């Protein structure tokens, strides 16, 4: 399984950097005055808060994307998630990369590669049980986009019931970029 995950990560990064190389090679080699790069960068990400009876979940996922053209954007992100449910608690952090495609303005397709690390704790009658966890996820998603907001669903193609991070392969999302 680890070989499959590492191979998936390698292929995604190889495709990303080969795409980058083609884009750079096609551009005018004479540098322009001032930076056009920052005019195409958008910031945003996700925020999640959930409170209930004996349950708390907080998610922060800031990210930045480079809007290459009206159809394609890509960029890095950070992830932080804290969850406490009864005697179980989990603190996760990680990095991610996202690729967005908009075949038409209202539809957004996405591919997100995410690597999470952290600790999970469970308290039972014998004391605390602590487990260091890590997980690689590759989400493929689709959503409806209006302005800078996209609402949709994504599917983790590397989902494993035994990973201890995600309960389901399918996840709804709300993505916002300014």
C-alpha atoms as a PDB file:
ATOM      1  CA  UNK A   1       0.000   0.000   0.000  1.00  0.00           C
ATOM      2  CA  UNK A   2       2.848   2.414   0.830  1.00  0.00           C
ATOM      3  CA  UNK A   3       4.373   1.795  -2.608  1.00  0.00           C
ATOM      4  CA  UNK A   4       1.044   2.669  -4.257  1.00  0.00           C
ATOM      5  CA  UNK A   5       0.798   5.919  -2.261  1.00  0.00           C
ATOM      6  CA  UNK A   6       4.395   6.915  -2.976  1.00  0.00           C
ATOM      7  CA  UNK A   7       3.949   6.107  -6.660  1.00  0.00           C
ATOM      8  CA  UNK A   8       0.767   8.218  -6.781  1.00  0.00           C
ATOM      9  CA  UNK A   9       2.558  11.150  -5.150  1.00  0.00           C
ATOM     10  CA  UNK A  10       5.510  10.825  -7.533  1.00  0.00           C
ATOM     11  CA  UNK A  11       3.263  10.747 -10.604  1.00  0.00           C
ATOM     12  CA  UNK A  12       1.274  13.797  -9.454  1.00  0.00           C
ATOM     13  CA  UNK A  13       4.398  15.836  -8.756  1.00  0.00           C
ATOM     14  CA  UNK A  14       5.993  14.724 -12.038  1.00  0.00           C
ATOM     15  CA  UNK A  15       2.891  15.804 -13.966  1.00  0.00           C
ATOM     16  CA  UNK A  16       2.737  19.094 -12.065  1.00  0.00           C
ATOM     17  CA  UNK A  17       6.372  19.984 -12.701  1.00  0.00           C
ATOM     18  CA  UNK A  18       6.295  18.851 -16.340  1.00  0.00           C
ATOM     19  CA  UNK A  19       3.253  21.112 -16.818  1.00  0.00           C
ATOM     20  CA  UNK A  20       5.160  23.938 -15.106  1.00  0.00           C
ATOM     21  CA  UNK A  21       8.177  23.399 -17.361  1.00  0.00           C
ATOM     22  CA  UNK A  22       6.054  23.555 -20.509  1.00  0.00           C
ATOM     23  CA  UNK A  23       4.404  26.760 -19.339  1.00  0.00           C
ATOM     24  CA  UNK A  24       7.742  28.411 -18.526  1.00  0.00           C
ATOM     25  CA  UNK A  25       9.309  27.290 -21.812  1.00  0.00           C
ATOM     26  CA  UNK A  26       6.452  28.848 -23.806  1.00  0.00           C
ATOM     27  CA  UNK A  27       6.660  32.227 -22.097  1.00  0.00           C
ATOM     28  CA  UNK A  28       8.697  35.148 -23.366  1.00  0.00           C
ATOM     29  CA  UNK A  29      12.234  34.733 -21.926  1.00  0.00           C
ATOM     30  CA  UNK A  30      12.628  38.521 -21.461  1.00  0.00           C
ATOM     31  CA  UNK A  31      11.582  39.437 -17.892  1.00  0.00           C
ATOM     32  CA  UNK A  32       8.887  42.078 -17.545  1.00  0.00           C
ATOM     33  CA  UNK A  33       9.106  45.112 -15.319  1.00  0.00           C
ATOM     34  CA  UNK A  34       7.098  44.451 -12.147  1.00  0.00           C
ATOM     35  CA  UNK A  35       5.622  41.134 -11.123  1.00  0.00           C
ATOM     36  CA  UNK A  36       2.615  39.763 -12.967  1.00  0.00           C
ATOM     37  CA  UNK A  37       2.737  36.733 -10.683  1.00  0.00           C
ATOM     38  CA  UNK A  38       1.034  38.343  -7.662  1.00  0.00           C
ATOM     39  CA  UNK A  39      -1.793  39.693  -9.798  1.00  0.00           C
ATOM     40  CA  UNK A  40      -2.837  36.075 -10.427  1.00  0.00           C
ATOM     41  CA  UNK A  41      -2.531  34.776  -6.841  1.00  0.00           C
ATOM     42  CA  UNK A  42      -5.727  34.265  -4.839  1.00  0.00           C
ATOM     43  CA  UNK A  43      -5.975  33.404  -1.158  1.00  0.00           C
ATOM     44  CA  UNK A  44      -8.649  31.449   0.649  1.00  0.00           C
ATOM     45  CA  UNK A  45      -9.278  27.914   1.756  1.00  0.00           C
ATOM     46  CA  UNK A  46     -11.625  26.393   4.277  1.00  0.00           C
ATOM     47  CA  UNK A  47     -12.798  26.884   7.842  1.00  0.00           C
ATOM     48  CA  UNK A  48     -14.875  24.436   9.816  1.00  0.00           C
ATOM     49  CA  UNK A  49     -16.403  24.686  13.284  1.00  0.00           C
ATOM     50  CA  UNK A  50     -18.661  22.093  14.833  1.00  0.00           C
ATOM     51  CA  UNK A  51     -19.877  22.006  18.399  1.00  0.00           C
ATOM     52  CA  UNK A  52     -22.283  19.580  19.956  1.00  0.00           C
ATOM     53  CA  UNK A  53     -22.971  17.605  23.075  1.00  0.00           C
ATOM     54  CA  UNK A  54     -19.525  16.429  24.197  1.00  0.00           C
ATOM     55  CA  UNK A  55     -18.167  17.077  20.684  1.00  0.00           C
ATOM     56  CA  UNK A  56     -15.884  19.772  19.262  1.00  0.00           C
ATOM     57  CA  UNK A  57     -14.286  19.971  15.847  1.00  0.00           C
ATOM     58  CA  UNK A  58     -12.177  22.841  14.500  1.00  0.00           C
ATOM     59  CA  UNK A  59     -10.640  22.864  11.036  1.00  0.00           C
ATOM     60  CA  UNK A  60      -8.397  25.544   9.498  1.00  0.00           C
ATOM     61  CA  UNK A  61      -7.204  25.031   5.938  1.00  0.00           C
ATOM     62  CA  UNK A  62      -5.684  28.180   4.421  1.00  0.00           C
ATOM     63  CA  UNK A  63      -4.386  27.969   0.873  1.00  0.00           C
ATOM     64  CA  UNK A  64      -3.252  30.046  -2.058  1.00  0.00           C
ATOM     65  CA  UNK A  65      -3.765  29.382  -5.737  1.00  0.00           C
ATOM     66  CA  UNK A  66      -2.137  30.745  -8.834  1.00  0.00           C
ATOM     67  CA  UNK A  67      -4.847  31.472 -11.417  1.00  0.00           C
ATOM     68  CA  UNK A  68      -2.952  30.501 -14.577  1.00  0.00           C
ATOM     69  CA  UNK A  69      -5.884  31.394 -16.822  1.00  0.00           C
ATOM     70  CA  UNK A  70      -9.684  31.400 -16.568  1.00  0.00           C
ATOM     71  CA  UNK A  71      -9.749  27.590 -16.699  1.00  0.00           C
ATOM     72  CA  UNK A  72      -6.806  26.415 -14.531  1.00  0.00           C
ATOM     73  CA  UNK A  73      -5.498  27.223 -11.045  1.00  0.00           C
ATOM     74  CA  UNK A  74      -3.124  25.398  -8.672  1.00  0.00           C
ATOM     75  CA  UNK A  75      -1.333  25.968  -5.400  1.00  0.00           C
ATOM     76  CA  UNK A  76      -0.298  24.853  -1.903  1.00  0.00           C
ATOM     77  CA  UNK A  77      -2.234  24.678   1.338  1.00  0.00           C
ATOM     78  CA  UNK A  78      -1.870  24.010   5.054  1.00  0.00           C
ATOM     79  CA  UNK A  79      -4.213  21.908   7.196  1.00  0.00           C
ATOM     80  CA  UNK A  80      -5.014  21.868  10.899  1.00  0.00           C
ATOM     81  CA  UNK A  81      -7.774  19.823  12.499  1.00  0.00           C
ATOM     82  CA  UNK A  82      -8.688  19.361  16.147  1.00  0.00           C
ATOM     83  CA  UNK A  83     -11.450  17.014  17.209  1.00  0.00           C
ATOM     84  CA  UNK A  84     -12.705  15.920  20.606  1.00  0.00           C
ATOM     85  CA  UNK A  85     -15.553  13.482  20.965  1.00  0.00           C
ATOM     86  CA  UNK A  86     -16.106  11.981  24.385  1.00  0.00           C
ATOM     87  CA  UNK A  87     -12.935  10.161  25.415  1.00  0.00           C
ATOM     88  CA  UNK A  88     -11.377  10.496  21.946  1.00  0.00           C
ATOM     89  CA  UNK A  89      -9.293  13.442  20.760  1.00  0.00           C
ATOM     90  CA  UNK A  90      -7.307  14.040  17.610  1.00  0.00           C
ATOM     91  CA  UNK A  91      -4.902  16.785  16.537  1.00  0.00           C
ATOM     92  CA  UNK A  92      -3.806  16.703  12.903  1.00  0.00           C
ATOM     93  CA  UNK A  93      -1.682  19.011  10.763  1.00  0.00           C
ATOM     94  CA  UNK A  94      -0.341  18.766   7.261  1.00  0.00           C
ATOM     95  CA  UNK A  95       0.215  20.149   3.796  1.00  0.00           C
ATOM     96  CA  UNK A  96      -1.687  19.872   0.570  1.00  0.00           C
ATOM     97  CA  UNK A  97      -1.565  20.762  -3.075  1.00  0.00           C
ATOM     98  CA  UNK A  98      -4.616  21.567  -5.168  1.00  0.00           C
ATOM     99  CA  UNK A  99      -5.304  21.678  -8.901  1.00  0.00           C
ATOM    100  CA  UNK A 100      -8.545  23.317 -10.071  1.00  0.00           C
ATOM    101  CA  UNK A 101     -10.088  23.163 -13.527  1.00  0.00           C
ATOM    102  CA  UNK A 102     -13.119  25.182 -14.613  1.00  0.00           C
ATOM    103  CA  UNK A 103     -14.341  23.824 -17.976  1.00  0.00           C
ATOM    104  CA  UNK A 104     -17.183  26.360 -17.746  1.00  0.00           C
ATOM    105  CA  UNK A 105     -17.431  29.173 -15.179  1.00  0.00           C
ATOM    106  CA  UNK A 106     -20.087  27.408 -13.046  1.00  0.00           C
ATOM    107  CA  UNK A 107     -18.362  24.004 -12.798  1.00  0.00           C
ATOM    108  CA  UNK A 108     -15.143  23.371 -10.882  1.00  0.00           C
ATOM    109  CA  UNK A 109     -13.239  20.077 -10.976  1.00  0.00           C
ATOM    110  CA  UNK A 110     -10.473  19.508  -8.448  1.00  0.00           C
ATOM    111  CA  UNK A 111      -7.632  17.196  -7.510  1.00  0.00           C
ATOM    112  CA  UNK A 112      -6.144  17.602  -4.020  1.00  0.00           C
ATOM    113  CA  UNK A 113      -3.154  15.741  -2.659  1.00  0.00           C
ATOM    114  CA  UNK A 114      -2.974  15.911   1.138  1.00  0.00           C
ATOM    115  CA  UNK A 115      -0.472  14.596   3.685  1.00  0.00           C
ATOM    116  CA  UNK A 116      -1.552  14.645   7.343  1.00  0.00           C
ATOM    117  CA  UNK A 117       0.349  13.879  10.541  1.00  0.00           C
ATOM    118  CA  UNK A 118      -0.719  13.998  14.155  1.00  0.00           C
ATOM    119  CA  UNK A 119      -1.745  12.310  17.359  1.00  0.00           C
ATOM    120  CA  UNK A 120      -4.896  10.557  18.407  1.00  0.00           C
ATOM    121  CA  UNK A 121      -5.731   9.857  22.034  1.00  0.00           C
ATOM    122  CA  UNK A 122      -8.294   7.576  23.542  1.00  0.00           C
ATOM    123  CA  UNK A 123      -8.943   7.396  27.276  1.00  0.00           C
ATOM    124  CA  UNK A 124     -10.192   4.136  28.728  1.00  0.00           C
ATOM    125  CA  UNK A 125     -10.200   2.528  32.169  1.00  0.00           C
ATOM    126  CA  UNK A 126      -6.487   1.663  31.868  1.00  0.00           C
ATOM    127  CA  UNK A 127      -5.448   5.227  31.019  1.00  0.00           C
ATOM    128  CA  UNK A 128      -4.614   7.156  27.871  1.00  0.00           C
ATOM    129  CA  UNK A 129      -3.786   5.349  24.658  1.00  0.00           C
ATOM    130  CA  UNK A 130      -1.864   7.599  22.248  1.00  0.00           C
ATOM    131  CA  UNK A 131      -1.215   6.833  18.618  1.00  0.00           C
ATOM    132  CA  UNK A 132       0.928   8.764  16.124  1.00  0.00           C
ATOM    133  CA  UNK A 133      -0.850   8.801  12.784  1.00  0.00           C
ATOM    134  CA  UNK A 134      -0.134   9.847   9.219  1.00  0.00           C
ATOM    135  CA  UNK A 135      -2.233   9.639   6.108  1.00  0.00           C
ATOM    136  CA  UNK A 136      -1.969  10.466   2.430  1.00  0.00           C
ATOM    137  CA  UNK A 137      -5.194  11.336   0.636  1.00  0.00           C
ATOM    138  CA  UNK A 138      -5.904  12.074  -3.013  1.00  0.00           C
ATOM    139  CA  UNK A 139      -9.277  13.761  -3.421  1.00  0.00           C
ATOM    140  CA  UNK A 140     -11.014  14.120  -6.777  1.00  0.00           C
ATOM    141  CA  UNK A 141     -13.932  16.499  -6.625  1.00  0.00           C
ATOM    142  CA  UNK A 142     -16.544  18.491  -8.474  1.00  0.00           C
ATOM    143  CA  UNK A 143     -18.623  21.447  -7.466  1.00  0.00           C
ATOM    144  CA  UNK A 144     -20.839  24.329  -8.448  1.00  0.00           C
ATOM    145  CA  UNK A 145     -18.995  27.654  -8.517  1.00  0.00           C
ATOM    146  CA  UNK A 146     -20.455  31.120  -8.117  1.00  0.00           C
ATOM    147  CA  UNK A 147     -17.865  33.893  -7.967  1.00  0.00           C
ATOM    148  CA  UNK A 148     -15.133  32.845  -5.535  1.00  0.00           C
ATOM    149  CA  UNK A 149     -17.255  30.218  -3.733  1.00  0.00           C
ATOM    150  CA  UNK A 150     -17.525  26.565  -4.748  1.00  0.00           C
ATOM    151  CA  UNK A 151     -19.840  24.009  -3.114  1.00  0.00           C
ATOM    152  CA  UNK A 152     -19.408  20.362  -3.971  1.00  0.00           C
ATOM    153  CA  UNK A 153     -18.194  16.907  -3.013  1.00  0.00           C
ATOM    154  CA  UNK A 154     -14.849  15.161  -3.216  1.00  0.00           C
ATOM    155  CA  UNK A 155     -13.814  11.508  -3.113  1.00  0.00           C
ATOM    156  CA  UNK A 156     -10.596  10.150  -1.563  1.00  0.00           C
ATOM    157  CA  UNK A 157      -9.327   7.574  -4.077  1.00  0.00           C
ATOM    158  CA  UNK A 158      -6.687   6.391  -1.546  1.00  0.00           C
ATOM    159  CA  UNK A 159      -9.266   5.880   1.236  1.00  0.00           C
ATOM    160  CA  UNK A 160      -8.618   3.009   3.613  1.00  0.00           C
ATOM    161  CA  UNK A 161     -11.088   2.087   6.375  1.00  0.00           C
ATOM    162  CA  UNK A 162      -8.151   1.305   8.658  1.00  0.00           C
ATOM    163  CA  UNK A 163      -6.303   4.624   8.337  1.00  0.00           C
ATOM    164  CA  UNK A 164      -8.010   6.104  11.415  1.00  0.00           C
ATOM    165  CA  UNK A 165      -8.222   9.613   9.931  1.00  0.00           C
ATOM    166  CA  UNK A 166     -11.305   9.809   7.718  1.00  0.00           C
ATOM    167  CA  UNK A 167     -14.586   8.015   8.401  1.00  0.00           C
ATOM    168  CA  UNK A 168     -15.726   8.079   4.761  1.00  0.00           C
ATOM    169  CA  UNK A 169     -14.182   8.418   1.314  1.00  0.00           C
ATOM    170  CA  UNK A 170     -16.834  10.981   0.267  1.00  0.00           C
ATOM    171  CA  UNK A 171     -16.733  14.476   1.750  1.00  0.00           C
ATOM    172  CA  UNK A 172     -18.754  17.608   1.055  1.00  0.00           C
ATOM    173  CA  UNK A 173     -16.801  20.873   0.780  1.00  0.00           C
ATOM    174  CA  UNK A 174     -17.160  24.625   0.584  1.00  0.00           C
ATOM    175  CA  UNK A 175     -14.119  26.304  -0.993  1.00  0.00           C
ATOM    176  CA  UNK A 176     -13.626  30.085  -0.999  1.00  0.00           C
ATOM    177  CA  UNK A 177     -10.956  32.135  -2.819  1.00  0.00           C
ATOM    178  CA  UNK A 178     -10.676  35.925  -2.902  1.00  0.00           C
END
